[in-house]
Amino acid sequence: MWNWLRGKMEPVAPPSGVVIDAGIPAQDRVAELPLPEPLFILHYNGFGLLPENPDLRQILLETARSGDFLRDMPRVSAQQLAARAGLQARFGVDTDTVARFFRVLHAEITRRMYVEAAREREGAAGLRLTLLKPETATPEDQAIVNADAHGLGAGVYPFTHIPENPHPGTENPFIIRVVMKKDLV
């Protein structure tokens, strides 16, 4: 658009690559995502819509740990896995259910990556948690965002005490923001 305003009409090369890859050099992309097996099992059991099957759990875990999982997004990952592993025929699981479970894992992985990046940020003191949907928040969710257990302010937690999702198997109900030391009173 800027070129058009300046009167330059030469063709501009279209953007290439996947949005998630933008700004991340190939050498810095991870081959495996941070999803410890105990955390995966906690969400698997909390989700409650998938059968108790060790083979299915392993296939889902391997897919969610793949470096391409964030790039492909939950629905595409579920569709690719369904085509490759025959989820419906082998386990009686439909693609929509897997996509919903992958949304939970996708949100958990990106949250963990954000927290790890925030820890390394110079001058960062911790994280502030606010509610994504205050109108549907549980009393547990409200207690977490209103607590001042560490003297940093309501809903502010040092990196050593960040609360986990109080509802395993569902998307985390919090928005997290980095709190800088200079902003603390």
N, C-alpha and C. Protein backbone atom coordinates (compact mmCIF):
# COMPACT_ATOMS: atom_id res chain seq x y z
N MET A 1 0.82 -1.18 0.00
CA MET A 1 0.00 0.00 0.00
C MET A 1 0.86 1.24 0.00
N TRP A 2 1.92 1.24 0.79
CA TRP A 2 2.80 2.40 0.85
C TRP A 2 3.39 2.70 -0.52
N ASN A 3 3.75 1.64 -1.26
CA ASN A 3 4.27 1.84 -2.61
C ASN A 3 3.22 2.49 -3.50
N TRP A 4 1.97 2.08 -3.37
CA TRP A 4 0.91 2.66 -4.18
C TRP A 4 0.75 4.15 -3.87
N LEU A 5 0.81 4.51 -2.59
CA LEU A 5 0.69 5.92 -2.20
C LEU A 5 1.84 6.75 -2.76
N ARG A 6 3.01 6.16 -2.82
CA ARG A 6 4.17 6.89 -3.35
C ARG A 6 4.23 6.83 -4.87
N GLY A 7 3.29 6.15 -5.50
CA GLY A 7 3.24 6.11 -6.95
C GLY A 7 4.08 5.00 -7.56
N LYS A 8 4.60 4.13 -6.78
CA LYS A 8 5.41 3.03 -7.30
C LYS A 8 4.50 1.83 -7.46
N MET A 9 4.42 1.32 -8.63
CA MET A 9 3.50 0.22 -8.90
C MET A 9 4.20 -1.08 -9.28
N GLU A 10 5.51 -1.19 -9.05
CA GLU A 10 6.18 -2.44 -9.40
C GLU A 10 5.66 -3.56 -8.50
N PRO A 11 5.65 -4.78 -9.01
CA PRO A 11 5.12 -5.89 -8.22
C PRO A 11 5.95 -6.11 -6.95
N VAL A 12 5.27 -6.42 -5.90
CA VAL A 12 5.92 -6.71 -4.63
C VAL A 12 5.83 -8.21 -4.41
N ALA A 13 6.93 -8.81 -3.99
CA ALA A 13 6.94 -10.27 -3.75
C ALA A 13 5.99 -10.60 -2.61
N PRO A 14 5.13 -11.60 -2.81
CA PRO A 14 4.20 -11.98 -1.73
C PRO A 14 4.95 -12.60 -0.56
N PRO A 15 4.41 -12.46 0.64
CA PRO A 15 5.07 -13.09 1.78
C PRO A 15 5.10 -14.60 1.59
N SER A 16 6.13 -15.21 2.12
CA SER A 16 6.24 -16.66 2.00
C SER A 16 6.43 -17.28 3.37
N GLY A 17 6.20 -18.56 3.45
CA GLY A 17 6.38 -19.26 4.71
C GLY A 17 5.12 -19.24 5.55
N VAL A 18 5.17 -19.96 6.62
CA VAL A 18 4.05 -20.06 7.52
C VAL A 18 4.20 -18.98 8.59
N VAL A 19 3.09 -18.41 9.00
CA VAL A 19 3.12 -17.31 9.96
C VAL A 19 3.90 -17.66 11.22
N ILE A 20 3.72 -18.85 11.71
CA ILE A 20 4.39 -19.24 12.96
C ILE A 20 5.91 -19.26 12.79
N ASP A 21 6.39 -19.46 11.58
CA ASP A 21 7.82 -19.49 11.31
C ASP A 21 8.42 -18.10 11.15
N ALA A 22 7.57 -17.09 10.99
CA ALA A 22 8.04 -15.74 10.73
C ALA A 22 8.92 -15.26 11.88
N GLY A 23 10.10 -14.80 11.54
CA GLY A 23 10.99 -14.24 12.53
C GLY A 23 11.76 -15.27 13.35
N ILE A 24 11.54 -16.54 13.12
CA ILE A 24 12.27 -17.58 13.85
C ILE A 24 13.19 -18.27 12.85
N PRO A 25 14.49 -18.01 12.96
CA PRO A 25 15.42 -18.66 12.03
C PRO A 25 15.31 -20.18 12.12
N ALA A 26 15.53 -20.85 11.00
CA ALA A 26 15.40 -22.30 10.93
C ALA A 26 16.22 -23.00 12.01
N GLN A 27 17.41 -22.49 12.29
CA GLN A 27 18.27 -23.13 13.29
C GLN A 27 17.72 -22.99 14.71
N ASP A 28 16.80 -22.05 14.94
CA ASP A 28 16.22 -21.86 16.27
C ASP A 28 14.89 -22.57 16.46
N ARG A 29 14.35 -23.17 15.42
CA ARG A 29 13.09 -23.90 15.54
C ARG A 29 13.34 -25.23 16.24
N VAL A 30 12.43 -25.60 17.08
CA VAL A 30 12.63 -26.82 17.86
C VAL A 30 12.11 -28.03 17.11
N ALA A 31 12.77 -29.16 17.32
CA ALA A 31 12.33 -30.41 16.71
C ALA A 31 11.27 -31.08 17.57
N GLU A 32 11.31 -30.78 18.88
CA GLU A 32 10.34 -31.38 19.80
C GLU A 32 9.85 -30.28 20.74
N LEU A 33 8.54 -30.24 20.95
CA LEU A 33 7.93 -29.21 21.78
C LEU A 33 7.92 -29.62 23.24
N PRO A 34 7.88 -28.61 24.15
CA PRO A 34 7.92 -28.90 25.59
C PRO A 34 6.58 -29.40 26.11
N LEU A 35 6.40 -30.71 26.06
CA LEU A 35 5.19 -31.33 26.58
C LEU A 35 5.59 -32.60 27.34
N PRO A 36 5.89 -32.45 28.64
CA PRO A 36 6.26 -33.63 29.42
C PRO A 36 5.11 -34.64 29.45
N GLU A 37 5.44 -35.92 29.45
CA GLU A 37 4.41 -36.95 29.41
C GLU A 37 3.43 -36.87 30.58
N PRO A 38 3.88 -36.60 31.82
CA PRO A 38 2.91 -36.48 32.92
C PRO A 38 1.88 -35.35 32.69
N LEU A 39 2.32 -34.25 32.11
CA LEU A 39 1.40 -33.15 31.80
C LEU A 39 0.41 -33.57 30.71
N PHE A 40 0.92 -34.27 29.71
CA PHE A 40 0.05 -34.77 28.64
C PHE A 40 -1.01 -35.70 29.22
N ILE A 41 -0.61 -36.63 30.07
CA ILE A 41 -1.55 -37.60 30.66
C ILE A 41 -2.58 -36.89 31.54
N LEU A 42 -2.14 -35.88 32.27
CA LEU A 42 -3.06 -35.10 33.10
C LEU A 42 -4.16 -34.49 32.23
N HIS A 43 -3.79 -33.89 31.10
CA HIS A 43 -4.77 -33.29 30.19
C HIS A 43 -5.60 -34.36 29.48
N TYR A 44 -4.96 -35.46 29.12
CA TYR A 44 -5.67 -36.57 28.45
C TYR A 44 -6.79 -37.09 29.35
N ASN A 45 -6.44 -37.35 30.61
CA ASN A 45 -7.43 -37.87 31.55
C ASN A 45 -8.49 -36.81 31.87
N GLY A 46 -8.10 -35.56 31.98
CA GLY A 46 -9.04 -34.48 32.27
C GLY A 46 -9.98 -34.19 31.12
N PHE A 47 -9.53 -34.44 29.90
CA PHE A 47 -10.35 -34.18 28.71
C PHE A 47 -11.57 -35.09 28.71
N GLY A 48 -11.37 -36.35 29.01
CA GLY A 48 -12.46 -37.29 29.22
C GLY A 48 -13.23 -37.78 28.01
N LEU A 49 -12.89 -37.36 26.80
CA LEU A 49 -13.64 -37.79 25.62
C LEU A 49 -12.86 -38.78 24.75
N LEU A 50 -11.68 -39.15 25.22
CA LEU A 50 -10.86 -40.09 24.47
C LEU A 50 -10.78 -41.42 25.22
N PRO A 51 -10.78 -42.54 24.49
CA PRO A 51 -10.74 -43.84 25.17
C PRO A 51 -9.40 -44.07 25.87
N GLU A 52 -9.44 -44.87 26.89
CA GLU A 52 -8.23 -45.24 27.61
C GLU A 52 -7.52 -46.30 26.78
N ASN A 53 -6.53 -45.86 25.99
CA ASN A 53 -5.82 -46.75 25.09
C ASN A 53 -4.37 -46.28 25.00
N PRO A 54 -3.41 -47.08 25.46
CA PRO A 54 -2.00 -46.66 25.45
C PRO A 54 -1.48 -46.35 24.05
N ASP A 55 -1.92 -47.08 23.03
CA ASP A 55 -1.45 -46.81 21.67
C ASP A 55 -1.95 -45.44 21.19
N LEU A 56 -3.21 -45.15 21.45
CA LEU A 56 -3.76 -43.84 21.06
C LEU A 56 -3.04 -42.73 21.80
N ARG A 57 -2.84 -42.90 23.11
CA ARG A 57 -2.13 -41.88 23.89
C ARG A 57 -0.75 -41.62 23.30
N GLN A 58 -0.04 -42.67 22.94
CA GLN A 58 1.31 -42.51 22.40
C GLN A 58 1.30 -41.77 21.06
N ILE A 59 0.36 -42.11 20.20
CA ILE A 59 0.25 -41.45 18.89
C ILE A 59 -0.06 -39.96 19.08
N LEU A 60 -0.97 -39.65 19.98
CA LEU A 60 -1.33 -38.25 20.23
C LEU A 60 -0.16 -37.48 20.84
N LEU A 61 0.54 -38.10 21.78
CA LEU A 61 1.69 -37.46 22.42
C LEU A 61 2.78 -37.16 21.39
N GLU A 62 3.11 -38.13 20.55
CA GLU A 62 4.14 -37.93 19.54
C GLU A 62 3.76 -36.80 18.58
N THR A 63 2.49 -36.75 18.20
CA THR A 63 2.03 -35.69 17.30
C THR A 63 2.15 -34.33 17.97
N ALA A 64 1.73 -34.23 19.23
CA ALA A 64 1.75 -32.95 19.94
C ALA A 64 3.15 -32.49 20.28
N ARG A 65 4.10 -33.40 20.33
CA ARG A 65 5.49 -33.01 20.61
C ARG A 65 6.24 -32.62 19.34
N SER A 66 5.70 -32.96 18.20
CA SER A 66 6.37 -32.67 16.93
C SER A 66 6.56 -31.17 16.75
N GLY A 67 7.70 -30.78 16.24
CA GLY A 67 7.98 -29.37 15.99
C GLY A 67 7.00 -28.72 15.04
N ASP A 68 6.32 -29.51 14.21
CA ASP A 68 5.35 -28.97 13.25
C ASP A 68 3.97 -28.74 13.87
N PHE A 69 3.75 -29.21 15.09
CA PHE A 69 2.43 -29.14 15.71
C PHE A 69 1.93 -27.70 15.84
N LEU A 70 2.80 -26.78 16.25
CA LEU A 70 2.37 -25.39 16.39
C LEU A 70 2.09 -24.75 15.04
N ARG A 71 2.89 -25.08 14.07
CA ARG A 71 2.72 -24.52 12.73
C ARG A 71 1.43 -25.02 12.08
N ASP A 72 1.15 -26.30 12.23
CA ASP A 72 0.01 -26.89 11.54
C ASP A 72 -1.33 -26.56 12.20
N MET A 73 -1.31 -26.17 13.46
CA MET A 73 -2.51 -25.83 14.21
C MET A 73 -3.32 -27.10 14.53
N PRO A 74 -4.20 -27.04 15.51
CA PRO A 74 -4.89 -28.25 15.98
C PRO A 74 -5.74 -28.98 14.93
N ARG A 75 -6.54 -28.27 14.17
CA ARG A 75 -7.44 -28.95 13.21
C ARG A 75 -6.63 -29.66 12.14
N VAL A 76 -5.65 -28.99 11.57
CA VAL A 76 -4.84 -29.61 10.51
C VAL A 76 -4.06 -30.80 11.07
N SER A 77 -3.51 -30.65 12.28
CA SER A 77 -2.80 -31.76 12.90
C SER A 77 -3.72 -32.96 13.09
N ALA A 78 -4.95 -32.71 13.54
CA ALA A 78 -5.91 -33.80 13.74
C ALA A 78 -6.29 -34.45 12.42
N GLN A 79 -6.49 -33.66 11.38
CA GLN A 79 -6.84 -34.21 10.07
C GLN A 79 -5.70 -35.05 9.51
N GLN A 80 -4.49 -34.55 9.62
CA GLN A 80 -3.34 -35.31 9.12
C GLN A 80 -3.16 -36.61 9.90
N LEU A 81 -3.33 -36.54 11.22
CA LEU A 81 -3.19 -37.73 12.04
C LEU A 81 -4.29 -38.74 11.73
N ALA A 82 -5.51 -38.26 11.55
CA ALA A 82 -6.63 -39.16 11.24
C ALA A 82 -6.37 -39.89 9.92
N ALA A 83 -5.85 -39.18 8.93
CA ALA A 83 -5.56 -39.80 7.63
C ALA A 83 -4.40 -40.79 7.73
N ARG A 84 -3.39 -40.44 8.51
CA ARG A 84 -2.19 -41.26 8.62
C ARG A 84 -2.40 -42.48 9.53
N ALA A 85 -3.10 -42.30 10.65
CA ALA A 85 -3.18 -43.37 11.65
C ALA A 85 -4.54 -44.07 11.71
N GLY A 86 -5.51 -43.60 10.92
CA GLY A 86 -6.82 -44.24 10.92
C GLY A 86 -7.49 -44.20 12.29
N LEU A 87 -7.58 -43.03 12.88
CA LEU A 87 -8.10 -42.91 14.25
C LEU A 87 -9.51 -43.46 14.41
N GLN A 88 -10.37 -43.21 13.44
CA GLN A 88 -11.75 -43.67 13.55
C GLN A 88 -11.81 -45.20 13.49
N ALA A 89 -11.12 -45.78 12.54
CA ALA A 89 -11.16 -47.24 12.38
C ALA A 89 -10.46 -47.97 13.52
N ARG A 90 -9.31 -47.48 13.94
CA ARG A 90 -8.53 -48.17 14.97
C ARG A 90 -9.01 -47.92 16.39
N PHE A 91 -9.45 -46.67 16.67
CA PHE A 91 -9.75 -46.30 18.04
C PHE A 91 -11.18 -45.78 18.25
N GLY A 92 -11.93 -45.61 17.17
CA GLY A 92 -13.28 -45.09 17.29
C GLY A 92 -13.33 -43.62 17.69
N VAL A 93 -12.31 -42.87 17.29
CA VAL A 93 -12.21 -41.46 17.66
C VAL A 93 -12.34 -40.60 16.41
N ASP A 94 -13.25 -39.63 16.45
CA ASP A 94 -13.44 -38.77 15.28
C ASP A 94 -12.46 -37.60 15.29
N THR A 95 -12.26 -37.01 14.13
CA THR A 95 -11.30 -35.93 13.95
C THR A 95 -11.65 -34.70 14.79
N ASP A 96 -12.93 -34.38 14.93
CA ASP A 96 -13.32 -33.21 15.72
C ASP A 96 -12.92 -33.33 17.18
N THR A 97 -13.07 -34.51 17.74
CA THR A 97 -12.68 -34.73 19.14
C THR A 97 -11.18 -34.57 19.30
N VAL A 98 -10.41 -35.12 18.38
CA VAL A 98 -8.95 -34.98 18.44
C VAL A 98 -8.56 -33.52 18.26
N ALA A 99 -9.23 -32.81 17.36
CA ALA A 99 -8.93 -31.39 17.15
C ALA A 99 -9.20 -30.59 18.43
N ARG A 100 -10.29 -30.90 19.12
CA ARG A 100 -10.59 -30.19 20.38
C ARG A 100 -9.53 -30.49 21.45
N PHE A 101 -9.08 -31.74 21.51
CA PHE A 101 -8.02 -32.09 22.45
C PHE A 101 -6.72 -31.41 22.07
N PHE A 102 -6.42 -31.37 20.79
CA PHE A 102 -5.20 -30.70 20.34
C PHE A 102 -5.24 -29.20 20.63
N ARG A 103 -6.42 -28.59 20.64
CA ARG A 103 -6.53 -27.16 21.02
C ARG A 103 -6.06 -26.96 22.45
N VAL A 104 -6.43 -27.88 23.34
CA VAL A 104 -6.00 -27.82 24.73
C VAL A 104 -4.47 -27.91 24.80
N LEU A 105 -3.91 -28.88 24.09
CA LEU A 105 -2.45 -29.06 24.11
C LEU A 105 -1.73 -27.90 23.45
N HIS A 106 -2.28 -27.40 22.35
CA HIS A 106 -1.68 -26.27 21.64
C HIS A 106 -1.59 -25.07 22.57
N ALA A 107 -2.68 -24.79 23.27
CA ALA A 107 -2.69 -23.65 24.20
C ALA A 107 -1.70 -23.87 25.34
N GLU A 108 -1.61 -25.09 25.84
CA GLU A 108 -0.69 -25.41 26.94
C GLU A 108 0.77 -25.26 26.50
N ILE A 109 1.09 -25.75 25.33
CA ILE A 109 2.47 -25.66 24.84
C ILE A 109 2.86 -24.21 24.59
N THR A 110 1.99 -23.44 23.94
CA THR A 110 2.34 -22.04 23.67
C THR A 110 2.44 -21.26 24.97
N ARG A 111 1.59 -21.58 25.95
CA ARG A 111 1.69 -20.91 27.26
C ARG A 111 3.03 -21.21 27.90
N ARG A 112 3.44 -22.47 27.88
CA ARG A 112 4.72 -22.84 28.48
C ARG A 112 5.90 -22.18 27.77
N MET A 113 5.83 -22.09 26.46
CA MET A 113 6.91 -21.44 25.70
C MET A 113 6.96 -19.94 26.02
N TYR A 114 5.80 -19.32 26.17
CA TYR A 114 5.73 -17.90 26.53
C TYR A 114 6.33 -17.67 27.92
N VAL A 115 5.99 -18.53 28.87
CA VAL A 115 6.51 -18.41 30.23
C VAL A 115 8.03 -18.55 30.22
N GLU A 116 8.54 -19.54 29.49
CA GLU A 116 9.99 -19.74 29.43
C GLU A 116 10.70 -18.54 28.81
N ALA A 117 10.12 -17.98 27.76
CA ALA A 117 10.71 -16.80 27.14
C ALA A 117 10.66 -15.61 28.10
N ALA A 118 9.57 -15.48 28.86
CA ALA A 118 9.44 -14.37 29.81
C ALA A 118 10.47 -14.48 30.93
N ARG A 119 10.77 -15.71 31.36
CA ARG A 119 11.78 -15.92 32.42
C ARG A 119 13.12 -15.34 32.03
N GLU A 120 13.44 -15.43 30.74
CA GLU A 120 14.74 -14.97 30.26
C GLU A 120 14.77 -13.48 29.94
N ARG A 121 13.64 -12.84 29.99
CA ARG A 121 13.55 -11.42 29.68
C ARG A 121 14.17 -10.59 30.80
N GLU A 122 15.08 -9.73 30.45
CA GLU A 122 15.77 -8.91 31.43
C GLU A 122 14.79 -7.98 32.13
N GLY A 123 14.82 -7.98 33.46
CA GLY A 123 13.96 -7.11 34.24
C GLY A 123 12.58 -7.68 34.53
N ALA A 124 12.30 -8.90 34.10
CA ALA A 124 10.99 -9.49 34.34
C ALA A 124 10.91 -10.02 35.77
N ALA A 125 9.79 -9.74 36.45
CA ALA A 125 9.60 -10.16 37.83
C ALA A 125 8.68 -11.37 37.94
N GLY A 126 7.78 -11.52 36.99
CA GLY A 126 6.81 -12.60 37.04
C GLY A 126 5.73 -12.39 36.01
N LEU A 127 4.56 -12.99 36.28
CA LEU A 127 3.45 -12.91 35.34
C LEU A 127 2.18 -12.47 36.06
N ARG A 128 1.36 -11.69 35.35
CA ARG A 128 0.04 -11.31 35.84
C ARG A 128 -0.98 -12.16 35.10
N LEU A 129 -1.86 -12.79 35.87
CA LEU A 129 -2.93 -13.60 35.30
C LEU A 129 -4.24 -12.85 35.40
N THR A 130 -4.93 -12.74 34.29
CA THR A 130 -6.28 -12.19 34.25
C THR A 130 -7.18 -13.22 33.57
N LEU A 131 -8.46 -13.05 33.72
CA LEU A 131 -9.40 -14.02 33.17
C LEU A 131 -9.69 -13.76 31.70
N LEU A 132 -9.64 -14.80 30.92
CA LEU A 132 -9.97 -14.71 29.51
C LEU A 132 -11.46 -14.44 29.33
N LYS A 133 -12.28 -15.15 30.09
CA LYS A 133 -13.74 -14.97 30.03
C LYS A 133 -14.26 -14.84 31.46
N PRO A 134 -14.26 -13.63 32.02
CA PRO A 134 -14.69 -13.46 33.41
C PRO A 134 -16.12 -13.95 33.68
N GLU A 135 -16.97 -13.86 32.67
CA GLU A 135 -18.37 -14.24 32.86
C GLU A 135 -18.56 -15.75 33.08
N THR A 136 -17.60 -16.56 32.67
CA THR A 136 -17.72 -18.01 32.85
C THR A 136 -16.67 -18.57 33.81
N ALA A 137 -15.96 -17.70 34.50
CA ALA A 137 -14.89 -18.13 35.41
C ALA A 137 -15.45 -18.87 36.61
N THR A 138 -14.73 -19.90 37.02
CA THR A 138 -15.11 -20.66 38.21
C THR A 138 -14.57 -19.93 39.44
N PRO A 139 -15.05 -20.29 40.62
CA PRO A 139 -14.50 -19.70 41.84
C PRO A 139 -12.98 -19.94 41.97
N GLU A 140 -12.51 -21.10 41.51
CA GLU A 140 -11.07 -21.38 41.53
C GLU A 140 -10.30 -20.39 40.66
N ASP A 141 -10.83 -20.14 39.46
CA ASP A 141 -10.19 -19.20 38.53
C ASP A 141 -10.14 -17.81 39.15
N GLN A 142 -11.25 -17.38 39.74
CA GLN A 142 -11.32 -16.05 40.34
C GLN A 142 -10.37 -15.92 41.52
N ALA A 143 -10.24 -16.99 42.30
CA ALA A 143 -9.33 -16.96 43.44
C ALA A 143 -7.89 -16.77 42.97
N ILE A 144 -7.52 -17.41 41.87
CA ILE A 144 -6.15 -17.30 41.36
C ILE A 144 -5.85 -15.89 40.89
N VAL A 145 -6.77 -15.24 40.18
CA VAL A 145 -6.50 -13.89 39.67
C VAL A 145 -6.65 -12.81 40.75
N ASN A 146 -7.30 -13.13 41.84
CA ASN A 146 -7.48 -12.15 42.92
C ASN A 146 -6.48 -12.32 44.05
N ALA A 147 -5.75 -13.44 44.09
CA ALA A 147 -4.81 -13.70 45.17
C ALA A 147 -3.58 -12.81 45.07
N ASP A 148 -3.07 -12.43 46.23
CA ASP A 148 -1.81 -11.68 46.33
C ASP A 148 -0.90 -12.41 47.32
N ALA A 149 -0.66 -13.67 47.04
CA ALA A 149 0.10 -14.54 47.94
C ALA A 149 1.57 -14.19 48.04
N HIS A 150 2.09 -13.42 47.11
CA HIS A 150 3.52 -13.15 47.08
C HIS A 150 3.84 -11.66 47.25
N GLY A 151 2.82 -10.86 47.57
CA GLY A 151 3.03 -9.44 47.81
C GLY A 151 3.37 -8.64 46.55
N LEU A 152 3.02 -9.16 45.39
CA LEU A 152 3.33 -8.48 44.13
C LEU A 152 2.10 -7.80 43.52
N GLY A 153 0.95 -8.05 44.10
CA GLY A 153 -0.30 -7.51 43.57
C GLY A 153 -1.23 -8.66 43.22
N ALA A 154 -2.49 -8.32 43.08
CA ALA A 154 -3.51 -9.33 42.77
C ALA A 154 -3.22 -9.99 41.43
N GLY A 155 -3.18 -11.31 41.44
CA GLY A 155 -2.98 -12.07 40.21
C GLY A 155 -1.56 -12.08 39.67
N VAL A 156 -0.60 -11.54 40.44
CA VAL A 156 0.80 -11.51 39.98
C VAL A 156 1.57 -12.60 40.71
N TYR A 157 2.28 -13.41 39.92
CA TYR A 157 3.01 -14.54 40.46
C TYR A 157 4.46 -14.49 39.99
N PRO A 158 5.42 -14.76 40.92
CA PRO A 158 6.81 -14.87 40.49
C PRO A 158 6.95 -16.13 39.64
N PHE A 159 7.99 -16.20 38.85
CA PHE A 159 8.19 -17.32 37.95
C PHE A 159 8.28 -18.67 38.68
N THR A 160 8.63 -18.65 39.95
CA THR A 160 8.75 -19.88 40.72
C THR A 160 7.41 -20.41 41.23
N HIS A 161 6.33 -19.63 41.10
CA HIS A 161 5.04 -20.03 41.67
C HIS A 161 3.87 -19.78 40.72
N ILE A 162 4.06 -19.97 39.45
CA ILE A 162 2.98 -19.75 38.48
C ILE A 162 2.00 -20.91 38.58
N PRO A 163 0.72 -20.60 38.83
CA PRO A 163 -0.26 -21.69 38.97
C PRO A 163 -0.51 -22.40 37.65
N GLU A 164 -0.78 -23.69 37.76
CA GLU A 164 -1.15 -24.49 36.59
C GLU A 164 -2.63 -24.28 36.29
N ASN A 165 -3.06 -24.77 35.17
CA ASN A 165 -4.46 -24.75 34.79
C ASN A 165 -5.25 -25.53 35.85
N PRO A 166 -6.21 -24.89 36.51
CA PRO A 166 -6.96 -25.61 37.55
C PRO A 166 -7.94 -26.64 37.00
N HIS A 167 -8.10 -26.69 35.67
CA HIS A 167 -9.05 -27.60 35.03
C HIS A 167 -8.35 -28.39 33.93
N PRO A 168 -7.60 -29.45 34.27
CA PRO A 168 -6.91 -30.24 33.25
C PRO A 168 -7.89 -30.75 32.19
N GLY A 169 -7.43 -30.75 30.96
CA GLY A 169 -8.26 -31.22 29.86
C GLY A 169 -9.07 -30.11 29.21
N THR A 170 -8.94 -28.90 29.73
CA THR A 170 -9.61 -27.73 29.13
C THR A 170 -8.54 -26.68 28.85
N GLU A 171 -8.89 -25.72 28.00
CA GLU A 171 -7.94 -24.65 27.71
C GLU A 171 -7.77 -23.79 28.96
N ASN A 172 -6.56 -23.31 29.16
CA ASN A 172 -6.24 -22.48 30.31
C ASN A 172 -7.15 -21.24 30.30
N PRO A 173 -7.78 -20.91 31.44
CA PRO A 173 -8.73 -19.80 31.47
C PRO A 173 -8.09 -18.42 31.65
N PHE A 174 -6.75 -18.35 31.61
CA PHE A 174 -6.08 -17.10 31.94
C PHE A 174 -5.37 -16.47 30.74
N ILE A 175 -5.32 -15.16 30.78
CA ILE A 175 -4.44 -14.39 29.91
C ILE A 175 -3.23 -14.08 30.77
N ILE A 176 -2.04 -14.27 30.23
CA ILE A 176 -0.83 -13.99 31.01
C ILE A 176 -0.04 -12.86 30.37
N ARG A 177 0.47 -12.01 31.23
CA ARG A 177 1.29 -10.88 30.78
C ARG A 177 2.53 -10.78 31.66
N VAL A 178 3.62 -10.39 31.08
CA VAL A 178 4.87 -10.24 31.83
C VAL A 178 4.77 -8.99 32.69
N VAL A 179 5.24 -9.11 33.94
CA VAL A 179 5.31 -7.98 34.85
C VAL A 179 6.79 -7.67 35.06
N MET A 180 7.14 -6.43 34.83
CA MET A 180 8.53 -6.01 34.97
C MET A 180 8.80 -5.52 36.40
N LYS A 181 10.02 -5.71 36.87
CA LYS A 181 10.40 -5.27 38.22
C LYS A 181 10.15 -3.78 38.40
N LYS A 182 10.41 -2.99 37.38
CA LYS A 182 10.26 -1.53 37.49
C LYS A 182 8.79 -1.13 37.67
N ASP A 183 7.85 -1.99 37.29
CA ASP A 183 6.43 -1.69 37.41
C ASP A 183 5.83 -2.08 38.76
N LEU A 184 6.60 -2.83 39.56
CA LEU A 184 6.12 -3.23 40.87
C LEU A 184 6.29 -2.08 41.85
N VAL A 185 5.33 -1.91 42.71
CA VAL A 185 5.39 -0.81 43.69
C VAL A 185 6.09 -1.27 44.93
